[in-house]
Amino acid sequence: LDALASKTPIWLVVVPGESEVREATSALIRLMPRNGCVVICSTIDIDVTLDVGAMASRTGVAVCDAALARGVPAARDGTLLIYCGGSDDAIARVRPILDVIARDVVHVGVLGSGEIAKMLNNLLLWSNIAAVTEAMRLAIALGRDPTKMAEALSIGSGQSWVLDTWERSRPMPDAEDDLGRVLRTGSSLRVELPLARVVERLIKDVKHEKAAWLHGGGVEESMAEFLRSRMPAAISPTQGDEPS
């Protein structure tokens, strides 16, 4: 950072957690030109983002948050969804860079708004994974092919991104962090989130089952493949349908 910060006006910070974000951004703010801009892309608590913004405000360096969504496949092919928070000027400066790696860049509001949108997005994501998994367990118990059922449901009123990507690898490494962040935020605001608590337990149970499957190798598989592996060898189909 010492060698590069003074020469580079815009930085995207993508590091694992809160302490790493604080360490990287504090060094950048100290070393960058006064008209520089730090873009926090890590998924972290909003308080950390606001602390960094307050620290930067005393130096002339701008800060915005740009939370990355849609997962690793979207990162690979440049179709990420990025939720942004910060001033209009800061977002306008970094937008050309974000457009290179994203298909959709959404300016949600002031600093921290991107992190909030990502947190809410992830609450809906994990809740939906839990709901679709439960629906598919029932479909399998009734002797139906979960892939065909997912295709059918994806054009109905229950359509979702989870159904659309049902065959995709789904290791779910960040589920505990995401749901823990949701529950901490709700607790600090005295907002009851009973569904989030149930989803936290359900996702943890599913991850534990997948980790035990194929001697640990199954954790990387799609939920479709995982559930198919649990499908009984012979189930009597309901009347008028063919066995899967």
C-alpha atoms as a PDB file:
ATOM      1  CA  LEU A   1       0.000   0.000   0.000  1.00  0.00           C
ATOM      2  CA  ASP A   2       2.812   2.408   0.783  1.00  0.00           C
ATOM      3  CA  ALA A   3       4.095   2.127  -2.790  1.00  0.00           C
ATOM      4  CA  LEU A   4       0.745   2.291  -4.553  1.00  0.00           C
ATOM      5  CA  ALA A   5      -1.738   4.338  -2.537  1.00  0.00           C
ATOM      6  CA  SER A   6      -0.288   7.758  -3.354  1.00  0.00           C
ATOM      7  CA  LYS A   7      -0.513   6.985  -7.093  1.00  0.00           C
ATOM      8  CA  THR A   8      -3.959   5.378  -7.282  1.00  0.00           C
ATOM      9  CA  PRO A   9      -7.041   7.573  -6.687  1.00  0.00           C
ATOM     10  CA  ILE A  10      -9.689   4.820  -6.436  1.00  0.00           C
ATOM     11  CA  TRP A  11      -9.411   1.609  -4.425  1.00  0.00           C
ATOM     12  CA  LEU A  12     -11.806  -1.328  -4.170  1.00  0.00           C
ATOM     13  CA  VAL A  13     -11.370  -3.059  -0.824  1.00  0.00           C
ATOM     14  CA  VAL A  14     -12.332  -6.741  -0.963  1.00  0.00           C
ATOM     15  CA  VAL A  15     -11.024  -8.454   2.175  1.00  0.00           C
ATOM     16  CA  PRO A  16     -12.569 -11.119   4.440  1.00  0.00           C
ATOM     17  CA  GLY A  17     -13.976  -9.285   7.459  1.00  0.00           C
ATOM     18  CA  GLU A  18     -14.399  -6.245   9.674  1.00  0.00           C
ATOM     19  CA  SER A  19     -10.888  -6.144  11.153  1.00  0.00           C
ATOM     20  CA  GLU A  20      -9.292  -6.514   7.722  1.00  0.00           C
ATOM     21  CA  VAL A  21     -11.501  -3.744   6.307  1.00  0.00           C
ATOM     22  CA  ARG A  22     -10.512  -1.418   9.139  1.00  0.00           C
ATOM     23  CA  GLU A  23      -6.816  -2.192   8.658  1.00  0.00           C
ATOM     24  CA  ALA A  24      -6.839  -1.733   4.877  1.00  0.00           C
ATOM     25  CA  THR A  25      -9.007   1.374   4.780  1.00  0.00           C
ATOM     26  CA  SER A  26      -7.187   3.163   7.584  1.00  0.00           C
ATOM     27  CA  ALA A  27      -3.884   2.673   5.741  1.00  0.00           C
ATOM     28  CA  LEU A  28      -5.377   3.821   2.433  1.00  0.00           C
ATOM     29  CA  ILE A  29      -6.984   6.922   3.920  1.00  0.00           C
ATOM     30  CA  ARG A  30      -3.680   7.902   5.480  1.00  0.00           C
ATOM     31  CA  LEU A  31      -1.727   7.451   2.245  1.00  0.00           C
ATOM     32  CA  MET A  32      -4.129   8.411  -0.553  1.00  0.00           C
ATOM     33  CA  PRO A  33      -4.485  11.779  -2.296  1.00  0.00           C
ATOM     34  CA  ARG A  34      -7.130  14.026  -0.747  1.00  0.00           C
ATOM     35  CA  ASN A  35      -9.413  13.555  -3.738  1.00  0.00           C
ATOM     36  CA  GLY A  36      -9.175   9.765  -3.524  1.00  0.00           C
ATOM     37  CA  CYS A  37     -12.069   7.351  -3.043  1.00  0.00           C
ATOM     38  CA  VAL A  38     -12.212   4.110  -1.076  1.00  0.00           C
ATOM     39  CA  VAL A  39     -14.892   1.612  -2.152  1.00  0.00           C
ATOM     40  CA  ILE A  40     -15.758  -1.030   0.469  1.00  0.00           C
ATOM     41  CA  CYS A  41     -16.870  -4.192  -1.348  1.00  0.00           C
ATOM     42  CA  SER A  42     -16.628  -6.591   1.623  1.00  0.00           C
ATOM     43  CA  THR A  43     -19.854  -7.745   3.282  1.00  0.00           C
ATOM     44  CA  ILE A  44     -19.566  -6.280   6.782  1.00  0.00           C
ATOM     45  CA  ASP A  45     -21.592  -4.661   9.561  1.00  0.00           C
ATOM     46  CA  ILE A  46     -22.813  -1.196   8.610  1.00  0.00           C
ATOM     47  CA  ASP A  47     -21.181   0.310  11.737  1.00  0.00           C
ATOM     48  CA  VAL A  48     -17.732  -0.468  10.325  1.00  0.00           C
ATOM     49  CA  THR A  49     -18.574   1.235   7.027  1.00  0.00           C
ATOM     50  CA  LEU A  50     -19.841   4.324   8.861  1.00  0.00           C
ATOM     51  CA  ASP A  51     -16.726   4.412  11.078  1.00  0.00           C
ATOM     52  CA  VAL A  52     -14.513   4.343   7.994  1.00  0.00           C
ATOM     53  CA  GLY A  53     -16.581   7.130   6.439  1.00  0.00           C
ATOM     54  CA  ALA A  54     -16.229   9.282   9.565  1.00  0.00           C
ATOM     55  CA  MET A  55     -12.466   8.732   9.634  1.00  0.00           C
ATOM     56  CA  ALA A  56     -12.139   9.596   5.937  1.00  0.00           C
ATOM     57  CA  SER A  57     -14.254  12.749   6.225  1.00  0.00           C
ATOM     58  CA  ARG A  58     -11.433  14.420   8.153  1.00  0.00           C
ATOM     59  CA  THR A  59      -8.968  13.849   5.300  1.00  0.00           C
ATOM     60  CA  GLY A  60     -10.940  14.667   2.154  1.00  0.00           C
ATOM     61  CA  VAL A  61     -10.995  11.056   0.974  1.00  0.00           C
ATOM     62  CA  ALA A  62     -14.454   9.859  -0.129  1.00  0.00           C
ATOM     63  CA  VAL A  63     -15.867   6.505   0.972  1.00  0.00           C
ATOM     64  CA  CYS A  64     -18.674   4.480  -0.534  1.00  0.00           C
ATOM     65  CA  ASP A  65     -19.832   0.905  -0.139  1.00  0.00           C
ATOM     66  CA  ALA A  66     -20.412  -1.427  -3.073  1.00  0.00           C
ATOM     67  CA  ALA A  67     -21.672  -4.784  -1.809  1.00  0.00           C
ATOM     68  CA  LEU A  68     -21.248  -7.635  -4.291  1.00  0.00           C
ATOM     69  CA  ALA A  69     -24.109 -10.056  -4.983  1.00  0.00           C
ATOM     70  CA  ARG A  70     -24.916 -13.078  -7.207  1.00  0.00           C
ATOM     71  CA  GLY A  71     -21.958 -15.171  -6.117  1.00  0.00           C
ATOM     72  CA  VAL A  72     -18.779 -16.582  -7.615  1.00  0.00           C
ATOM     73  CA  PRO A  73     -20.156 -17.511 -11.080  1.00  0.00           C
ATOM     74  CA  ALA A  74     -21.288 -13.909 -11.621  1.00  0.00           C
ATOM     75  CA  ALA A  75     -17.898 -12.635 -10.459  1.00  0.00           C
ATOM     76  CA  ARG A  76     -16.194 -14.860 -13.008  1.00  0.00           C
ATOM     77  CA  ASP A  77     -18.242 -13.675 -15.986  1.00  0.00           C
ATOM     78  CA  GLY A  78     -18.698 -10.026 -14.983  1.00  0.00           C
ATOM     79  CA  THR A  79     -22.443 -10.132 -14.244  1.00  0.00           C
ATOM     80  CA  LEU A  80     -22.417  -9.218 -10.563  1.00  0.00           C
ATOM     81  CA  LEU A  81     -25.147  -7.180  -8.922  1.00  0.00           C
ATOM     82  CA  ILE A  82     -23.604  -4.352  -6.873  1.00  0.00           C
ATOM     83  CA  TYR A  83     -25.550  -2.465  -4.199  1.00  0.00           C
ATOM     84  CA  CYS A  84     -23.974   0.962  -3.626  1.00  0.00           C
ATOM     85  CA  GLY A  85     -24.170   3.476  -0.802  1.00  0.00           C
ATOM     86  CA  GLY A  86     -22.551   6.909  -0.734  1.00  0.00           C
ATOM     87  CA  SER A  87     -22.757  10.388  -2.185  1.00  0.00           C
ATOM     88  CA  ASP A  88     -23.875  10.933  -5.771  1.00  0.00           C
ATOM     89  CA  ASP A  89     -20.443  12.308  -6.656  1.00  0.00           C
ATOM     90  CA  ALA A  90     -18.565   9.316  -5.185  1.00  0.00           C
ATOM     91  CA  ILE A  91     -20.783   6.775  -6.923  1.00  0.00           C
ATOM     92  CA  ALA A  92     -20.477   8.634 -10.232  1.00  0.00           C
ATOM     93  CA  ARG A  93     -16.678   8.462  -9.949  1.00  0.00           C
ATOM     94  CA  VAL A  94     -16.521   4.722  -9.308  1.00  0.00           C
ATOM     95  CA  ARG A  95     -19.424   3.689 -11.547  1.00  0.00           C
ATOM     96  CA  PRO A  96     -17.265   3.157 -14.697  1.00  0.00           C
ATOM     97  CA  ILE A  97     -15.075   0.731 -12.731  1.00  0.00           C
ATOM     98  CA  LEU A  98     -18.017  -1.151 -11.236  1.00  0.00           C
ATOM     99  CA  ASP A  99     -19.655  -1.449 -14.660  1.00  0.00           C
ATOM    100  CA  VAL A 100     -16.691  -3.553 -15.795  1.00  0.00           C
ATOM    101  CA  ILE A 101     -17.404  -6.295 -13.265  1.00  0.00           C
ATOM    102  CA  ALA A 102     -21.182  -5.995 -12.892  1.00  0.00           C
ATOM    103  CA  ARG A 103     -24.293  -6.271 -15.019  1.00  0.00           C
ATOM    104  CA  ASP A 104     -26.357  -4.234 -12.535  1.00  0.00           C
ATOM    105  CA  VAL A 105     -25.124  -1.380 -10.341  1.00  0.00           C
ATOM    106  CA  VAL A 106     -27.781   0.064  -8.025  1.00  0.00           C
ATOM    107  CA  HIS A 107     -27.240   3.230  -5.972  1.00  0.00           C
ATOM    108  CA  VAL A 108     -29.458   2.545  -2.957  1.00  0.00           C
ATOM    109  CA  GLY A 109     -28.762   5.631  -0.822  1.00  0.00           C
ATOM    110  CA  VAL A 110     -26.274   7.215   1.550  1.00  0.00           C
ATOM    111  CA  LEU A 111     -23.139   5.515   2.871  1.00  0.00           C
ATOM    112  CA  GLY A 112     -23.992   2.111   4.349  1.00  0.00           C
ATOM    113  CA  SER A 113     -27.103   1.621   2.224  1.00  0.00           C
ATOM    114  CA  GLY A 114     -25.343  -0.881  -0.017  1.00  0.00           C
ATOM    115  CA  GLU A 115     -24.394  -3.020   2.980  1.00  0.00           C
ATOM    116  CA  ILE A 116     -27.978  -2.874   4.241  1.00  0.00           C
ATOM    117  CA  ALA A 117     -29.364  -3.927   0.846  1.00  0.00           C
ATOM    118  CA  LYS A 118     -26.880  -6.824   0.707  1.00  0.00           C
ATOM    119  CA  MET A 119     -27.854  -7.921   4.232  1.00  0.00           C
ATOM    120  CA  LEU A 120     -31.560  -7.902   3.343  1.00  0.00           C
ATOM    121  CA  ASN A 121     -30.864  -9.643   0.044  1.00  0.00           C
ATOM    122  CA  ASN A 122     -29.008 -12.407   1.874  1.00  0.00           C
ATOM    123  CA  LEU A 123     -31.799 -12.825   4.419  1.00  0.00           C
ATOM    124  CA  LEU A 124     -34.189 -13.427   1.523  1.00  0.00           C
ATOM    125  CA  LEU A 125     -31.662 -15.699  -0.215  1.00  0.00           C
ATOM    126  CA  TRP A 126     -31.113 -18.027   2.755  1.00  0.00           C
ATOM    127  CA  SER A 127     -34.826 -18.019   3.604  1.00  0.00           C
ATOM    128  CA  ASN A 128     -35.600 -18.990   0.032  1.00  0.00           C
ATOM    129  CA  ILE A 129     -32.973 -21.746  -0.003  1.00  0.00           C
ATOM    130  CA  ALA A 130     -34.533 -23.172   3.152  1.00  0.00           C
ATOM    131  CA  ALA A 131     -38.049 -22.971   1.664  1.00  0.00           C
ATOM    132  CA  VAL A 132     -37.109 -24.480  -1.711  1.00  0.00           C
ATOM    133  CA  THR A 133     -35.124 -27.258  -0.036  1.00  0.00           C
ATOM    134  CA  GLU A 134     -38.133 -28.124   2.099  1.00  0.00           C
ATOM    135  CA  ALA A 135     -40.419 -28.115  -0.949  1.00  0.00           C
ATOM    136  CA  MET A 136     -38.043 -30.391  -2.849  1.00  0.00           C
ATOM    137  CA  ARG A 137     -37.762 -32.813   0.058  1.00  0.00           C
ATOM    138  CA  LEU A 138     -41.529 -33.145  -0.123  1.00  0.00           C
ATOM    139  CA  ALA A 139     -41.433 -33.581  -3.900  1.00  0.00           C
ATOM    140  CA  ILE A 140     -38.853 -36.362  -3.563  1.00  0.00           C
ATOM    141  CA  ALA A 141     -40.862 -38.076  -0.833  1.00  0.00           C
ATOM    142  CA  LEU A 142     -43.751 -38.113  -3.306  1.00  0.00           C
ATOM    143  CA  GLY A 143     -41.532 -39.764  -5.898  1.00  0.00           C
ATOM    144  CA  ARG A 144     -41.041 -36.773  -8.172  1.00  0.00           C
ATOM    145  CA  ASP A 145     -37.914 -35.626 -10.011  1.00  0.00           C
ATOM    146  CA  PRO A 146     -36.734 -32.473  -8.207  1.00  0.00           C
ATOM    147  CA  THR A 147     -35.140 -31.031 -11.356  1.00  0.00           C
ATOM    148  CA  LYS A 148     -38.377 -31.263 -13.318  1.00  0.00           C
ATOM    149  CA  MET A 149     -40.260 -29.863 -10.350  1.00  0.00           C
ATOM    150  CA  ALA A 150     -37.841 -26.926 -10.053  1.00  0.00           C
ATOM    151  CA  GLU A 151     -38.325 -26.139 -13.742  1.00  0.00           C
ATOM    152  CA  ALA A 152     -42.084 -26.187 -13.319  1.00  0.00           C
ATOM    153  CA  LEU A 153     -42.078 -24.062 -10.166  1.00  0.00           C
ATOM    154  CA  SER A 154     -39.704 -21.516 -11.667  1.00  0.00           C
ATOM    155  CA  ILE A 155     -42.467 -20.270 -14.002  1.00  0.00           C
ATOM    156  CA  GLY A 156     -45.092 -20.133 -11.265  1.00  0.00           C
ATOM    157  CA  SER A 157     -45.867 -17.660  -8.507  1.00  0.00           C
ATOM    158  CA  GLY A 158     -43.111 -19.244  -6.385  1.00  0.00           C
ATOM    159  CA  GLN A 159     -40.446 -18.339  -8.961  1.00  0.00           C
ATOM    160  CA  SER A 160     -37.074 -17.333  -7.521  1.00  0.00           C
ATOM    161  CA  TRP A 161     -33.360 -17.044  -8.262  1.00  0.00           C
ATOM    162  CA  VAL A 162     -32.794 -20.126  -6.079  1.00  0.00           C
ATOM    163  CA  LEU A 163     -35.059 -22.201  -8.316  1.00  0.00           C
ATOM    164  CA  ASP A 164     -33.421 -20.771 -11.443  1.00  0.00           C
ATOM    165  CA  THR A 165     -29.977 -21.829 -10.149  1.00  0.00           C
ATOM    166  CA  TRP A 166     -31.063 -25.061  -8.471  1.00  0.00           C
ATOM    167  CA  GLU A 167     -28.470 -27.174 -10.285  1.00  0.00           C
ATOM    168  CA  ARG A 168     -25.591 -24.803  -9.449  1.00  0.00           C
ATOM    169  CA  SER A 169     -22.913 -25.714  -6.917  1.00  0.00           C
ATOM    170  CA  ARG A 170     -24.015 -24.300  -3.570  1.00  0.00           C
ATOM    171  CA  PRO A 171     -21.429 -24.658  -0.769  1.00  0.00           C
ATOM    172  CA  MET A 172     -23.027 -21.756   1.214  1.00  0.00           C
ATOM    173  CA  PRO A 173     -19.826 -20.678   3.025  1.00  0.00           C
ATOM    174  CA  ASP A 174     -21.145 -17.319   4.272  1.00  0.00           C
ATOM    175  CA  ALA A 175     -24.587 -18.343   5.533  1.00  0.00           C
ATOM    176  CA  GLU A 176     -23.720 -18.217   9.230  1.00  0.00           C
ATOM    177  CA  ASP A 177     -22.049 -14.815   8.932  1.00  0.00           C
ATOM    178  CA  ASP A 178     -24.936 -13.380   6.903  1.00  0.00           C
ATOM    179  CA  LEU A 179     -27.666 -14.591   9.241  1.00  0.00           C
ATOM    180  CA  GLY A 180     -25.654 -13.679  12.330  1.00  0.00           C
ATOM    181  CA  ARG A 181     -25.351 -10.130  10.971  1.00  0.00           C
ATOM    182  CA  VAL A 182     -29.119  -9.987  10.389  1.00  0.00           C
ATOM    183  CA  LEU A 183     -29.884 -11.210  13.909  1.00  0.00           C
ATOM    184  CA  ARG A 184     -27.355  -8.847  15.555  1.00  0.00           C
ATOM    185  CA  THR A 185     -28.852  -5.922  13.680  1.00  0.00           C
ATOM    186  CA  GLY A 186     -32.370  -6.901  14.621  1.00  0.00           C
ATOM    187  CA  SER A 187     -31.380  -7.314  18.265  1.00  0.00           C
ATOM    188  CA  SER A 188     -29.696  -3.903  18.376  1.00  0.00           C
ATOM    189  CA  LEU A 189     -32.845  -2.302  16.965  1.00  0.00           C
ATOM    190  CA  ARG A 190     -35.207  -4.460  19.070  1.00  0.00           C
ATOM    191  CA  VAL A 191     -36.808  -5.863  15.934  1.00  0.00           C
ATOM    192  CA  GLU A 192     -38.108  -9.423  16.257  1.00  0.00           C
ATOM    193  CA  LEU A 193     -36.928 -11.694  13.413  1.00  0.00           C
ATOM    194  CA  PRO A 194     -38.379 -15.147  14.160  1.00  0.00           C
ATOM    195  CA  LEU A 195     -38.043 -16.400  10.576  1.00  0.00           C
ATOM    196  CA  ALA A 196     -34.354 -15.481  10.478  1.00  0.00           C
ATOM    197  CA  ARG A 197     -33.751 -17.549  13.623  1.00  0.00           C
ATOM    198  CA  VAL A 198     -35.453 -20.585  12.108  1.00  0.00           C
ATOM    199  CA  VAL A 199     -33.586 -20.170   8.808  1.00  0.00           C
ATOM    200  CA  GLU A 200     -30.267 -19.916  10.655  1.00  0.00           C
ATOM    201  CA  ARG A 201     -30.883 -23.321  12.229  1.00  0.00           C
ATOM    202  CA  LEU A 202     -32.188 -24.923   9.013  1.00  0.00           C
ATOM    203  CA  ILE A 203     -29.265 -23.749   6.888  1.00  0.00           C
ATOM    204  CA  LYS A 204     -26.806 -24.906   9.553  1.00  0.00           C
ATOM    205  CA  ASP A 205     -28.423 -28.357   9.560  1.00  0.00           C
ATOM    206  CA  VAL A 206     -28.312 -28.611   5.744  1.00  0.00           C
ATOM    207  CA  LYS A 207     -24.655 -27.591   5.647  1.00  0.00           C
ATOM    208  CA  HIS A 208     -23.852 -30.174   8.315  1.00  0.00           C
ATOM    209  CA  GLU A 209     -25.595 -32.898   6.275  1.00  0.00           C
ATOM    210  CA  LYS A 210     -23.796 -31.880   3.078  1.00  0.00           C
ATOM    211  CA  ALA A 211     -20.438 -31.762   4.854  1.00  0.00           C
ATOM    212  CA  ALA A 212     -20.954 -35.350   6.039  1.00  0.00           C
ATOM    213  CA  TRP A 213     -21.990 -36.545   2.564  1.00  0.00           C
ATOM    214  CA  LEU A 214     -19.339 -38.155   0.317  1.00  0.00           C
ATOM    215  CA  HIS A 215     -16.827 -37.906   3.170  1.00  0.00           C
ATOM    216  CA  GLY A 216     -16.984 -34.123   3.077  1.00  0.00           C
ATOM    217  CA  GLY A 217     -16.837 -33.736  -0.701  1.00  0.00           C
ATOM    218  CA  GLY A 218     -20.558 -33.213  -1.012  1.00  0.00           C
ATOM    219  CA  VAL A 219     -20.468 -29.740   0.492  1.00  0.00           C
ATOM    220  CA  GLU A 220     -19.634 -28.277  -2.939  1.00  0.00           C
ATOM    221  CA  GLU A 221     -22.520 -30.004  -4.733  1.00  0.00           C
ATOM    222  CA  SER A 222     -25.791 -28.393  -5.711  1.00  0.00           C
ATOM    223  CA  MET A 223     -28.774 -28.817  -3.424  1.00  0.00           C
ATOM    224  CA  ALA A 224     -30.430 -30.715  -6.287  1.00  0.00           C
ATOM    225  CA  GLU A 225     -27.649 -33.312  -6.368  1.00  0.00           C
ATOM    226  CA  PHE A 226     -27.588 -33.546  -2.589  1.00  0.00           C
ATOM    227  CA  LEU A 227     -31.333 -34.161  -2.340  1.00  0.00           C
ATOM    228  CA  ARG A 228     -31.311 -36.646  -5.213  1.00  0.00           C
ATOM    229  CA  SER A 229     -28.718 -38.651  -3.295  1.00  0.00           C
ATOM    230  CA  ARG A 230     -31.315 -38.978  -0.512  1.00  0.00           C
ATOM    231  CA  MET A 231     -34.045 -40.123  -2.884  1.00  0.00           C
ATOM    232  CA  PRO A 232     -35.340 -43.616  -2.074  1.00  0.00           C
ATOM    233  CA  ALA A 233     -34.531 -46.225  -4.735  1.00  0.00           C
ATOM    234  CA  ALA A 234     -38.202 -47.046  -5.286  1.00  0.00           C
ATOM    235  CA  ILE A 235     -41.169 -44.881  -4.386  1.00  0.00           C
ATOM    236  CA  SER A 236     -44.703 -45.586  -5.507  1.00  0.00           C
ATOM    237  CA  PRO A 237     -45.811 -42.630  -7.632  1.00  0.00           C
ATOM    238  CA  THR A 238     -49.198 -41.062  -7.175  1.00  0.00           C
ATOM    239  CA  GLN A 239     -51.878 -42.031  -9.626  1.00  0.00           C
ATOM    240  CA  GLY A 240     -51.534 -40.714 -13.188  1.00  0.00           C
ATOM    241  CA  ASP A 241     -47.822 -39.876 -13.039  1.00  0.00           C
ATOM    242  CA  GLU A 242     -44.640 -41.711 -13.965  1.00  0.00           C
ATOM    243  CA  PRO A 243     -41.942 -42.632 -11.471  1.00  0.00           C
ATOM    244  CA  SER A 244     -38.813 -40.525 -11.603  1.00  0.00           C
END
